[in-house]
Structure formats: C-alpha cells, structure tokens
Protein backbone atom coordinates (compact mmCIF):
# COMPACT_ATOMS: atom_id res chain seq x y z
CA MET A 1 -26.19 -17.28 -34.72
CA ASN A 2 -27.50 -15.21 -31.82
CA ARG A 3 -27.28 -18.03 -29.22
CA LEU A 4 -23.59 -18.62 -30.25
CA VAL A 5 -22.75 -15.13 -30.30
CA ALA A 6 -24.74 -14.87 -26.58
CA LEU A 7 -22.57 -17.71 -25.14
CA LEU A 8 -19.30 -16.55 -26.43
CA ALA A 9 -19.81 -13.00 -24.60
CA LEU A 10 -20.92 -14.77 -21.65
CA CYS A 11 -17.61 -17.35 -21.60
CA ALA A 12 -15.40 -14.14 -21.98
CA THR A 13 -16.78 -12.14 -19.34
CA GLY A 14 -16.06 -15.02 -16.91
CA ALA A 15 -12.61 -15.25 -18.31
CA TYR A 16 -11.86 -11.93 -17.27
CA SER A 17 -13.32 -11.71 -13.40
CA GLN A 18 -10.67 -10.64 -11.01
CA SER A 19 -10.46 -10.64 -7.49
CA THR A 20 -10.96 -7.31 -5.57
CA GLY A 21 -10.16 -6.29 -1.90
CA THR A 22 -11.68 -3.57 0.06
CA ILE A 23 -9.86 -1.51 2.77
CA THR A 24 -11.96 -0.36 5.83
CA GLY A 25 -10.95 1.52 8.80
CA THR A 26 -11.80 4.66 11.49
CA VAL A 27 -9.96 8.14 11.35
CA VAL A 28 -9.47 9.24 15.06
CA ASP A 29 -7.30 12.00 16.68
CA SER A 30 -4.54 11.80 19.00
CA ASP A 31 -7.33 11.51 21.77
CA GLY A 32 -8.90 8.72 20.14
CA GLU A 33 -12.14 10.80 18.93
CA ALA A 34 -13.43 10.08 15.28
CA VAL A 35 -12.53 12.71 12.73
CA ALA A 36 -15.63 13.56 10.86
CA ASN A 37 -15.64 13.82 7.14
CA ALA A 38 -11.84 13.08 6.79
CA GLN A 39 -10.02 12.62 3.31
CA VAL A 40 -8.38 9.29 3.13
CA GLN A 41 -6.11 8.01 0.30
CA ALA A 42 -4.50 4.65 -0.63
CA THR A 43 -1.68 4.46 -2.71
CA ASN A 44 -0.76 1.10 -4.23
CA ARG A 45 2.94 0.31 -3.65
CA SER A 46 3.44 -1.22 -7.02
CA THR A 47 1.90 0.91 -9.66
CA LYS A 48 1.67 4.48 -7.59
CA MET A 49 -2.34 4.71 -8.35
CA VAL A 50 -4.11 6.55 -5.73
CA TYR A 51 -7.55 6.02 -4.41
CA LYS A 52 -9.50 8.58 -2.63
CA THR A 53 -12.55 8.73 -0.62
CA THR A 54 -14.10 10.98 2.32
CA GLY A 55 -14.73 9.31 5.58
CA SER A 56 -18.29 9.58 7.39
CA GLU A 57 -19.05 11.75 10.25
CA LYS A 58 -18.22 9.26 12.69
CA GLY A 59 -14.78 8.71 10.83
CA HIS A 60 -15.38 5.19 9.06
CA TYR A 61 -14.38 5.01 5.58
CA THR A 62 -13.98 2.24 2.92
CA LEU A 63 -11.79 1.93 -0.40
CA ALA A 64 -13.45 -0.99 -2.31
CA THR A 65 -12.39 -2.66 -5.42
CA LEU A 66 -9.11 -2.59 -4.98
CA SER A 67 -6.69 -4.84 -6.95
CA PRO A 68 -5.04 -7.14 -4.55
CA ASP A 69 -1.65 -5.67 -3.64
CA ALA A 70 0.04 -3.52 -0.79
CA TYR A 71 -1.12 -0.12 -0.41
CA ASP A 72 -0.04 3.34 1.91
CA ILE A 73 -3.02 4.90 3.90
C-alpha cells in the first residue's frame, strides 16, 4: 500500500509541472552608467501581478520563475 501511494504522488507531481521564464537586464542611467541597487518591477499584462526585485551594485537584475506571458518592466 505504501508503494502505491508514493507512486501516485510521484505521477501527480509530473502532471502539474509548468514552464517558467526569467527576465534579466541591467539598469543604466542616461549616460549609460549602471544604477546600483535599483528597484525593478515587472507587471504581467494579463493578470496585473507585480513581481519586484533589487538590482546588484552593477545594475544587473533577475526576475525568475515567471509564467510565460508579456510583462511591462
């Protein structure tokens, strides 16, 4: 009985897997210089969900595990 439950749980996990995406970039000012620790947000155009992150000292940012869709940065 325990083996059957484990097998069913394993199969159910695979059935619900989804594709996700990542948005990466660099925040720069009008002179092309990196903006350290910039606040970045991506808004999903369909759901209006907002995802936020803080860039690095060199202006790089990553927003991971986003559902495939169009986003406004």
